[in-house]
Protein backbone atom coordinates (compact mmCIF):
# COMPACT_ATOMS: atom_id res chain seq x y z
CA MET A 1 0.00 0.00 0.00
CA VAL A 2 1.21 3.49 -0.85
CA HIS A 3 0.20 6.75 0.81
CA GLN A 4 0.85 10.02 -1.03
CA TYR A 5 0.53 13.55 0.30
CA LYS A 6 1.92 17.06 -0.10
CA LEU A 7 3.16 19.06 2.84
CA ASN A 8 5.44 22.08 3.30
CA GLY A 9 6.55 21.99 -0.34
CA TYR A 10 7.39 18.28 -0.36
CA ASN A 11 5.71 15.60 -2.46
CA ILE A 12 5.91 12.57 -0.20
CA VAL A 13 5.27 8.94 -1.11
CA LEU A 14 5.16 6.50 1.81
CA ASP A 15 5.28 2.77 1.18
CA THR A 16 3.38 1.32 4.13
CA ALA A 17 4.66 -2.24 4.37
CA SER A 18 8.34 -1.50 3.81
CA GLY A 19 8.39 1.87 5.58
CA SER A 20 10.23 3.42 2.63
CA VAL A 21 9.78 7.16 2.15
CA HIS A 22 10.29 8.82 -1.24
CA THR A 23 10.29 12.52 -2.06
CA VAL A 24 9.59 13.17 -5.72
CA ASP A 25 8.77 15.91 -8.18
CA GLU A 26 5.26 16.66 -9.44
CA VAL A 27 5.59 14.44 -12.51
CA ALA A 28 6.78 11.37 -10.61
CA TYR A 29 4.13 12.01 -7.94
CA ASP A 30 1.36 11.86 -10.56
CA ILE A 31 2.85 8.82 -12.28
CA ILE A 32 3.02 6.88 -9.00
CA GLU A 33 -0.57 7.86 -8.28
CA MET A 34 -1.68 6.31 -11.59
CA TYR A 35 0.80 3.44 -11.68
CA LYS A 36 -1.50 0.69 -10.43
CA THR A 37 -4.72 1.86 -12.04
CA HIS A 38 -3.66 2.97 -15.52
CA GLY A 39 -1.83 1.33 -18.40
CA ARG A 40 1.63 2.45 -19.50
CA GLU A 41 0.49 4.30 -22.63
CA GLN A 42 -2.38 5.89 -20.77
CA ILE A 43 0.01 7.22 -18.11
CA ILE A 44 2.34 8.62 -20.76
CA SER A 45 -0.55 10.31 -22.54
CA VAL A 46 -1.94 11.91 -19.37
CA ILE A 47 1.46 13.15 -18.21
CA LEU A 48 2.35 14.59 -21.63
CA GLU A 49 -0.97 16.39 -21.76
CA LYS A 50 -0.43 17.88 -18.31
CA TYR A 51 3.31 18.57 -18.37
CA GLY A 52 4.24 18.41 -22.07
CA HIS A 53 4.80 22.17 -22.17
CA MET A 54 7.79 21.70 -19.86
CA PRO A 55 11.09 21.16 -21.73
CA ASP A 56 12.33 18.42 -19.39
CA VAL A 57 9.18 16.27 -19.63
CA THR A 58 9.39 14.11 -22.73
CA ARG A 59 8.14 10.65 -23.54
CA GLU A 60 11.64 9.34 -22.81
CA ASP A 61 11.70 11.03 -19.41
CA ILE A 62 8.35 9.51 -18.49
CA GLU A 63 9.50 6.06 -19.59
CA LEU A 64 12.63 6.38 -17.46
CA CYS A 65 10.47 7.34 -14.49
CA LEU A 66 8.27 4.29 -15.07
CA GLU A 67 11.37 2.11 -15.14
CA ASP A 68 12.57 3.62 -11.85
CA ILE A 69 9.19 2.91 -10.26
CA ALA A 70 9.30 -0.68 -11.52
CA SER A 71 12.79 -1.08 -10.03
CA LEU A 72 11.62 0.23 -6.66
CA GLU A 73 8.65 -2.13 -6.76
CA ALA A 74 10.94 -5.08 -7.55
CA ALA A 75 13.20 -4.08 -4.64
CA GLY A 76 10.25 -4.06 -2.23
CA LYS A 77 10.42 -0.31 -1.63
CA LEU A 78 7.25 0.72 -3.45
CA PHE A 79 3.90 -1.08 -3.63
CA SER A 80 5.43 -3.71 -1.33
CA VAL A 81 3.34 -6.64 -0.11
CA ASP A 82 2.12 -6.67 3.49
CA LYS A 83 3.08 -10.08 4.90
CA TYR A 84 2.61 -9.38 8.58
CA GLU A 85 -0.99 -10.29 9.39
CA ALA A 86 -0.23 -13.86 10.50
CA LEU A 87 2.52 -12.57 12.80
CA ALA A 88 0.09 -10.21 14.54
CA TYR A 89 -1.89 -13.08 16.02
CA SER A 90 0.86 -15.63 16.58
CA TYR A 91 3.09 -13.27 18.53
CA LYS A 92 0.54 -12.27 21.15
CA ASN A 93 -0.91 -15.77 21.43
CA ASN A 94 2.53 -17.15 22.19
CA SER A 95 3.59 -14.40 24.57
CA ASN A 96 2.96 -14.93 28.28
CA VAL A 97 5.60 -12.55 29.57
CA VAL A 98 4.78 -9.45 31.62
CA LYS A 99 7.27 -6.70 30.84
CA ALA A 100 5.90 -3.66 32.66
CA LEU A 101 3.61 -2.53 35.46
CA CYS A 102 1.93 0.77 36.17
CA LEU A 103 1.86 1.04 39.97
CA HIS A 104 -0.97 3.22 41.24
CA VAL A 105 0.74 4.17 44.47
CA ALA A 106 -1.83 6.91 45.14
CA HIS A 107 -5.51 6.96 44.29
CA THR A 108 -5.73 10.52 45.46
CA CYS A 109 -4.55 13.88 44.16
CA ASN A 110 -3.88 17.39 45.39
CA LEU A 111 -5.36 18.86 42.21
CA ASN A 112 -9.00 18.89 41.16
CA CYS A 113 -8.76 18.85 37.36
CA SER A 114 -12.28 18.67 35.93
CA TYR A 115 -11.19 16.83 32.76
CA CYS A 116 -9.33 14.10 34.68
CA PHE A 117 -10.10 10.64 33.26
CA ALA A 118 -9.23 9.22 36.70
CA SER A 119 -11.92 11.19 38.54
CA GLN A 120 -9.41 13.44 40.36
CA GLY A 121 -7.22 10.42 41.05
CA LYS A 122 -9.91 8.32 42.76
CA TYR A 123 -10.74 6.27 39.65
CA HIS A 124 -14.44 6.48 40.52
CA GLY A 125 -13.78 4.80 43.87
CA ASP A 126 -12.39 5.69 47.28
CA ARG A 127 -9.16 7.51 47.92
CA ALA A 128 -6.36 5.11 48.79
CA LEU A 129 -2.59 4.84 49.12
CA MET A 130 -0.62 1.72 48.22
CA SER A 131 1.17 0.07 51.12
CA PHE A 132 4.73 -1.15 50.88
CA GLU A 133 3.49 -4.74 51.28
CA VAL A 134 1.18 -4.46 48.24
CA GLY A 135 3.89 -2.80 46.18
CA LYS A 136 6.43 -5.44 47.20
CA GLN A 137 4.05 -8.17 46.04
CA ALA A 138 3.60 -6.31 42.74
CA PHE A 139 7.35 -6.50 42.12
CA ASP A 140 7.35 -10.18 43.06
CA PHE A 141 4.46 -10.75 40.63
CA LEU A 142 6.35 -8.96 37.85
CA ILE A 143 9.50 -10.98 38.40
CA ALA A 144 7.58 -14.25 38.58
CA ASN A 145 5.77 -13.51 35.32
CA SER A 146 8.58 -11.93 33.32
CA GLY A 147 10.20 -15.19 32.20
CA SER A 148 13.76 -14.74 30.99
CA ARG A 149 13.24 -11.09 30.10
CA ARG A 150 15.87 -9.02 31.89
CA ASN A 151 14.76 -5.40 31.37
CA LEU A 152 11.53 -4.56 33.20
CA GLU A 153 9.71 -1.25 33.50
CA VAL A 154 7.67 0.14 36.38
CA ASP A 155 5.73 3.42 36.26
CA PHE A 156 4.91 5.17 39.54
CA PHE A 157 1.52 6.67 38.85
CA GLY A 158 -1.56 8.13 40.48
CA GLY A 159 -3.43 10.32 41.26
CA GLU A 160 -0.32 12.01 42.48
CA PRO A 161 2.44 9.56 43.51
CA SER A 162 4.26 12.26 45.49
CA LEU A 163 1.53 11.93 48.11
CA ASN A 164 2.96 8.47 48.85
CA PHE A 165 6.61 9.22 48.23
CA GLU A 166 8.03 7.29 51.18
CA VAL A 167 6.49 4.09 49.82
CA VAL A 168 7.89 4.91 46.37
CA LYS A 169 11.36 5.13 47.92
CA GLN A 170 10.90 1.87 49.82
CA LEU A 171 9.73 0.06 46.69
CA VAL A 172 12.66 1.29 44.62
CA GLU A 173 15.03 0.18 47.38
CA TYR A 174 13.36 -3.25 47.44
CA ALA A 175 13.56 -3.59 43.66
CA ARG A 176 17.25 -2.67 43.63
CA SER A 177 17.92 -5.21 46.39
CA ILE A 178 16.54 -8.14 44.38
CA GLU A 179 17.25 -7.32 40.74
CA LYS A 180 20.69 -8.92 40.59
CA GLN A 181 19.45 -12.01 42.39
CA HIS A 182 16.83 -12.52 39.68
CA ASN A 183 18.98 -11.20 36.81
CA LYS A 184 16.62 -8.29 36.24
CA ASN A 185 17.15 -4.62 35.50
CA PHE A 186 14.38 -2.24 36.58
CA ARG A 187 13.75 1.01 34.78
CA PHE A 188 11.46 3.45 36.56
CA THR A 189 9.20 6.27 35.35
CA TYR A 190 7.58 8.86 37.58
CA THR A 191 4.52 10.93 36.63
CA THR A 192 3.84 14.04 38.70
CA ASN A 193 1.85 17.26 38.73
CA GLY A 194 4.78 18.92 40.51
CA MET A 195 2.76 20.57 43.26
CA ILE A 196 4.77 19.29 46.24
CA LEU A 197 8.13 18.46 44.69
CA THR A 198 10.94 19.13 47.16
CA ASP A 199 14.70 19.17 46.65
CA GLU A 200 14.91 15.85 48.48
CA MET A 201 12.33 14.32 46.14
CA MET A 202 14.15 15.69 43.11
CA ASP A 203 17.45 14.20 44.27
CA PHE A 204 15.85 10.78 44.60
CA ILE A 205 14.01 11.08 41.28
CA ASN A 206 17.22 12.08 39.52
CA LYS A 207 19.07 9.14 41.00
CA GLU A 208 16.47 6.43 40.35
CA MET A 209 13.96 7.49 37.69
CA HIS A 210 14.90 6.84 34.08
CA ASN A 211 12.15 9.17 32.91
CA VAL A 212 9.87 11.75 34.51
CA VAL A 213 6.54 12.91 33.09
CA LEU A 214 5.61 16.45 34.13
CA SER A 215 2.00 17.60 33.76
CA LEU A 216 1.56 21.12 32.40
CA ASP A 217 -1.03 22.30 29.88
CA GLY A 218 0.88 25.33 28.60
CA ARG A 219 0.05 29.01 29.01
CA LYS A 220 -0.92 30.08 32.50
CA GLU A 221 -4.52 30.88 31.57
CA VAL A 222 -4.91 27.56 29.75
CA ASN A 223 -3.27 25.46 32.45
CA ASP A 224 -5.14 27.12 35.29
CA HIS A 225 -8.51 26.74 33.59
CA PHE A 226 -8.54 23.04 34.49
CA ARG A 227 -5.50 22.29 36.61
CA ARG A 228 -6.54 23.83 39.94
CA ASP A 229 -6.34 22.77 43.55
CA TYR A 230 -9.39 22.15 45.71
CA SER A 231 -9.58 25.80 46.72
CA GLY A 232 -9.83 26.77 43.05
CA LYS A 233 -6.29 28.16 42.79
CA GLY A 234 -4.42 27.46 39.57
CA SER A 235 -1.27 25.34 39.67
CA TYR A 236 0.91 27.17 37.11
CA ASP A 237 2.80 29.48 39.48
CA THR A 238 3.67 26.57 41.76
CA ILE A 239 4.64 23.90 39.27
CA VAL A 240 6.59 25.82 36.63
CA PRO A 241 9.42 26.82 39.01
CA ASN A 242 9.49 23.25 40.37
CA PHE A 243 9.65 21.76 36.87
CA LYS A 244 12.41 24.17 35.84
CA ARG A 245 14.52 23.18 38.84
CA LEU A 246 13.92 19.48 38.25
CA VAL A 247 14.74 19.61 34.54
CA GLU A 248 17.87 21.68 35.17
CA SER A 249 19.01 19.26 37.87
CA ARG A 250 18.54 16.36 35.41
CA GLY A 251 20.72 18.07 32.83
CA GLY A 252 17.73 18.59 30.55
CA LYS A 253 17.39 14.87 29.90
CA GLY A 254 15.14 11.98 30.90
CA TYR A 255 11.88 13.90 31.09
CA TYR A 256 9.03 15.25 29.07
CA VAL A 257 6.39 17.85 29.79
CA ARG A 258 2.97 16.49 28.95
CA GLY A 259 -0.14 18.59 28.39
CA THR A 260 -3.75 18.03 27.37
CA PHE A 261 -5.55 20.20 24.86
CA THR A 262 -9.33 20.57 24.72
CA HIS A 263 -11.98 22.46 22.78
CA ASN A 264 -10.94 25.48 24.85
CA ASN A 265 -7.43 25.61 23.31
CA VAL A 266 -7.47 24.18 19.81
CA ASP A 267 -4.59 26.62 19.21
CA PHE A 268 -2.49 24.26 21.33
CA THR A 269 0.69 25.04 19.41
CA ASN A 270 0.82 28.31 21.35
CA ASP A 271 0.95 26.25 24.52
CA LEU A 272 3.76 24.09 23.16
CA PHE A 273 5.69 27.16 22.02
CA HIS A 274 5.14 28.71 25.44
CA MET A 275 6.58 25.62 27.14
CA ALA A 276 9.53 25.66 24.75
CA ASP A 277 10.11 29.34 25.51
CA LEU A 278 10.20 28.43 29.21
CA GLY A 279 13.17 26.21 28.40
CA PHE A 280 11.48 22.83 28.20
CA THR A 281 12.68 20.93 25.12
CA GLU A 282 10.94 17.54 25.52
CA LEU A 283 7.23 18.09 24.96
CA SER A 284 4.00 16.20 24.49
CA MET A 285 0.45 17.44 24.01
CA GLU A 286 -2.43 14.97 23.98
CA PRO A 287 -6.02 15.49 22.80
CA VAL A 288 -8.58 15.16 25.55
CA VAL A 289 -10.71 12.01 25.44
CA CYS A 290 -14.08 12.51 27.07
CA PRO A 291 -17.82 12.09 26.41
CA PRO A 292 -18.91 14.20 23.41
CA GLY A 293 -21.40 16.12 25.53
CA ASP A 294 -18.72 17.65 27.74
CA PRO A 295 -18.18 21.36 27.07
CA TYR A 296 -14.44 20.83 26.58
CA ALA A 297 -14.82 17.87 24.18
CA LEU A 298 -13.21 18.24 20.76
CA THR A 299 -15.76 18.70 17.97
CA ASP A 300 -15.91 17.93 14.25
CA GLU A 301 -15.53 21.65 13.63
CA ASP A 302 -12.24 21.56 15.56
CA LEU A 303 -10.69 18.89 13.35
CA PRO A 304 -9.49 21.07 10.41
CA LYS A 305 -8.16 23.60 12.92
CA LEU A 306 -6.18 20.85 14.65
CA PHE A 307 -4.78 19.62 11.33
CA GLU A 308 -3.57 23.15 10.70
CA GLN A 309 -2.06 23.31 14.17
CA TYR A 310 -0.02 20.15 13.61
CA GLU A 311 1.35 21.62 10.38
CA ILE A 312 2.17 24.92 12.11
CA LEU A 313 3.97 22.94 14.80
CA ALA A 314 6.08 20.96 12.33
CA LYS A 315 7.10 24.06 10.38
CA GLU A 316 7.98 25.94 13.55
CA MET A 317 10.07 23.01 14.76
CA ILE A 318 12.09 23.14 11.52
CA LYS A 319 12.56 26.90 11.93
CA ARG A 320 13.60 26.72 15.58
CA LYS A 321 16.03 23.89 14.96
CA LYS A 322 17.81 25.99 12.32
CA GLU A 323 17.95 28.82 14.86
CA GLY A 324 19.56 26.57 17.45
CA ARG A 325 16.58 26.44 19.79
CA GLY A 326 14.89 23.25 18.71
CA PHE A 327 12.65 21.05 20.79
CA THR A 328 11.25 17.54 20.59
CA PHE A 329 7.56 16.76 20.22
CA TYR A 330 6.71 13.28 21.45
CA HIS A 331 4.28 12.46 18.63
CA TYR A 332 6.78 13.49 15.97
CA MET A 333 9.51 11.17 17.27
CA LEU A 334 9.80 8.82 14.30
CA ASP A 335 12.84 6.71 13.48
CA LEU A 336 12.51 5.72 9.83
CA LYS A 337 15.72 3.66 9.83
CA HIS A 338 15.82 1.86 13.17
CA GLY A 339 12.25 2.18 14.45
CA PRO A 340 10.19 -0.32 16.46
CA CYS A 341 10.45 -3.97 15.43
CA ILE A 342 7.64 -5.39 13.34
CA TYR A 343 6.12 -7.20 16.34
CA LYS A 344 5.77 -3.91 18.18
CA ARG A 345 4.34 -2.24 15.10
CA ILE A 346 1.59 -4.79 14.64
CA THR A 347 0.71 -5.65 18.25
CA GLY A 348 0.90 -2.29 19.99
CA CYS A 349 1.50 -1.38 23.62
CA GLY A 350 0.78 -4.84 25.09
CA SER A 351 -1.91 -3.64 27.50
CA GLY A 352 -3.60 -6.53 29.27
CA THR A 353 -0.90 -8.99 28.27
CA GLU A 354 2.62 -7.59 28.60
CA TYR A 355 1.64 -4.46 30.50
CA MET A 356 -0.81 -4.09 33.42
CA ALA A 357 -1.87 -1.55 36.00
CA VAL A 358 -1.92 -2.33 39.72
CA THR A 359 -4.31 -0.57 42.10
CA PRO A 360 -3.40 0.38 45.70
CA TRP A 361 -5.03 -2.86 46.88
CA GLY A 362 -3.30 -5.06 44.31
CA GLU A 363 -6.02 -5.53 41.67
CA LEU A 364 -4.82 -5.94 38.09
CA PHE A 365 -6.24 -4.06 35.10
CA PRO A 366 -5.13 -3.95 31.44
CA CYS A 367 -3.86 -0.38 31.82
CA HIS A 368 -4.45 2.74 33.89
CA GLN A 369 -7.39 3.83 31.73
CA PHE A 370 -9.39 0.70 32.64
CA VAL A 371 -8.87 0.94 36.38
CA GLY A 372 -12.18 1.04 38.23
CA ASP A 373 -14.14 -0.75 35.49
CA SER A 374 -15.03 -4.05 37.14
CA LYS A 375 -15.57 -5.97 33.92
CA TYR A 376 -11.94 -5.35 33.00
CA SER A 377 -10.51 -6.56 36.29
CA LEU A 378 -7.95 -9.23 35.36
CA GLY A 379 -7.21 -10.62 38.82
CA ASN A 380 -4.69 -9.61 41.47
CA ILE A 381 -0.98 -9.71 42.23
CA TRP A 382 -1.30 -12.68 44.59
CA ASP A 383 -3.38 -15.03 42.46
CA GLY A 384 -2.37 -13.69 39.06
CA VAL A 385 -4.61 -13.26 36.02
CA LYS A 386 -7.89 -15.10 36.47
CA ASN A 387 -10.06 -13.28 33.95
CA THR A 388 -8.44 -14.97 30.98
CA ALA A 389 -11.42 -14.17 28.73
CA VAL A 390 -10.66 -10.45 28.97
CA GLN A 391 -6.97 -11.08 28.51
CA ASP A 392 -7.70 -13.11 25.39
CA GLU A 393 -9.79 -10.19 24.14
CA PHE A 394 -6.72 -7.99 24.46
CA ARG A 395 -4.54 -10.62 22.81
CA GLY A 396 -6.80 -10.35 19.79
CA CYS A 397 -6.26 -6.60 19.43
CA ASN A 398 -3.77 -5.65 16.75
CA SER A 399 -3.44 -3.60 13.59
CA TYR A 400 -5.30 -6.25 11.56
CA SER A 401 -8.13 -7.20 13.91
CA ARG A 402 -10.27 -4.15 13.19
CA PRO A 403 -11.91 -4.08 9.74
CA GLU A 404 -11.48 -0.30 9.58
CA CYS A 405 -7.71 -0.68 10.01
CA LYS A 406 -6.93 -3.34 7.43
CA ASP A 407 -6.75 -0.92 4.52
CA CYS A 408 -5.34 2.02 6.48
CA TRP A 409 -1.90 3.27 5.46
CA ALA A 410 -1.05 4.19 9.08
CA LYS A 411 -1.71 0.83 10.70
CA LEU A 412 1.96 -0.07 11.12
CA TYR A 413 2.53 3.23 12.94
CA CYS A 414 -0.45 3.14 15.33
CA SER A 415 -0.61 -0.67 15.73
CA GLY A 416 -4.38 -0.48 15.60
CA GLY A 417 -4.71 2.38 18.04
CA CYS A 418 -5.32 2.65 21.77
CA ALA A 419 -7.68 0.01 23.15
CA ALA A 420 -8.82 2.31 25.94
CA ASN A 421 -9.67 5.16 23.57
CA ALA A 422 -11.56 2.69 21.37
CA TYR A 423 -13.47 1.39 24.37
CA HIS A 424 -14.42 4.84 25.65
CA ALA A 425 -15.49 5.95 22.17
CA THR A 426 -17.32 2.82 20.98
CA GLY A 427 -17.89 0.58 24.00
CA SER A 428 -15.51 -2.06 22.63
CA ILE A 429 -11.74 -2.41 22.73
CA GLY A 430 -12.08 -3.80 19.21
CA GLY A 431 -13.69 -0.59 18.01
CA VAL A 432 -12.08 2.42 16.40
CA TYR A 433 -11.86 5.91 17.87
CA LYS A 434 -12.22 7.62 14.50
CA TYR A 435 -11.49 11.15 15.71
CA GLY A 436 -8.25 9.95 17.27
CA CYS A 437 -7.38 8.12 14.05
CA GLU A 438 -7.65 11.29 12.02
CA LEU A 439 -5.39 13.17 14.43
CA PHE A 440 -2.89 10.32 14.50
CA LYS A 441 -2.63 10.14 10.72
CA LYS A 442 -2.02 13.87 10.53
CA ARG A 443 0.73 13.60 13.15
CA ILE A 444 2.45 10.82 11.20
CA GLU A 445 2.32 12.86 8.00
CA CYS A 446 3.96 15.76 9.81
CA ALA A 447 6.50 13.49 11.49
CA VAL A 448 7.56 11.98 8.16
CA MET A 449 7.81 15.44 6.62
CA LEU A 450 10.13 16.50 9.46
CA GLN A 451 12.36 13.53 8.69
CA VAL A 452 12.40 14.48 5.02
CA ALA A 453 13.30 18.07 5.85
CA GLU A 454 16.10 16.93 8.17
CA ALA A 455 17.47 14.55 5.53
CA GLU A 456 17.54 17.37 2.97
CA GLU A 457 19.36 19.62 5.41
């Protein structure tokens, strides 16, 4: 399958199955577009009629272009055959290894964000903190179910994990004390709103956390519209100085600032540029996912505006990089040469199979976005996965299992999309969150264009 598009002055041809990217002139672009649906003489006739007035477009030139396209096709770099569908099912069906856990060390939060998918950190239940004993058992569960895999990942999550920081420290100490014994290597991530970060916390985070996710929505007025404490005070003035100190103390590495944009700020690039101007260079901005009736839900009318925003972002990133003040946008991080292996591309994040969330009381869920939904409870960290029917449902999710995805050019980049977003949008993890798909495809187009621009530089 081939996907063609024009962006920022580039004519881009993406071969889906091989991952090959070609930048071509207008003539070659049109010939490729007709290559599989028109005969040779018909293509030559159409191109001569359209471009024959140009001195460098002759019958011979067109024939040479057709030969080049045929050579690329023979080499598997254009119109390549997708041979991966069988792998998508066999890999997950044969994988019984847990690679990562999301530890909900705090089902409580010191902010009262109205758009919070986790119901202000309570996950539609009671406030709770994870005990060391539960967390210790979670690590034992991970080790017991990780097979021979050496590298394991644990995310400290909430609510706000800083509200249970002593237990976080104890759990990291426990993990470090047993990893050599079991031939494991733990890599930790910490997600925080930054409200109560102290120098002592930062020192520990810098020592032990491979990555830190910092929650900030951008401009003060945008951030403080939703991200307020329980007295109604905005968080911006508290968290920005804390985040600056933390990032500086980490040497500007091993972090990213993550925001959420809503119907209220479809001009979200201004929030990203604001964060970059604050000195943050590792950025992410996610679209809100919520019921369509919510006043901050993204609308169909917002979609073309968001497409434009992603293009503005990509062009500004090119400009700022040339000026020596570039920044990274998480959704544009695309390695065209050494990207994810094909198994990762077709099976996705591994939620419910290789990756699970653990509640403060030790219950297992496919990921943090399913926590609190009883029908997606998998079991617990003492008895393991008991709800194998739900796990099998997740095993069946891949880039080929959804009819809407089979003929989509982006399926090997999104791996079929987020199961949680599909569930919240359609009521089924096998569904498709169409709005999210449109945004994702636009992001990939921009990400590829950035790679093309960098290669030309």
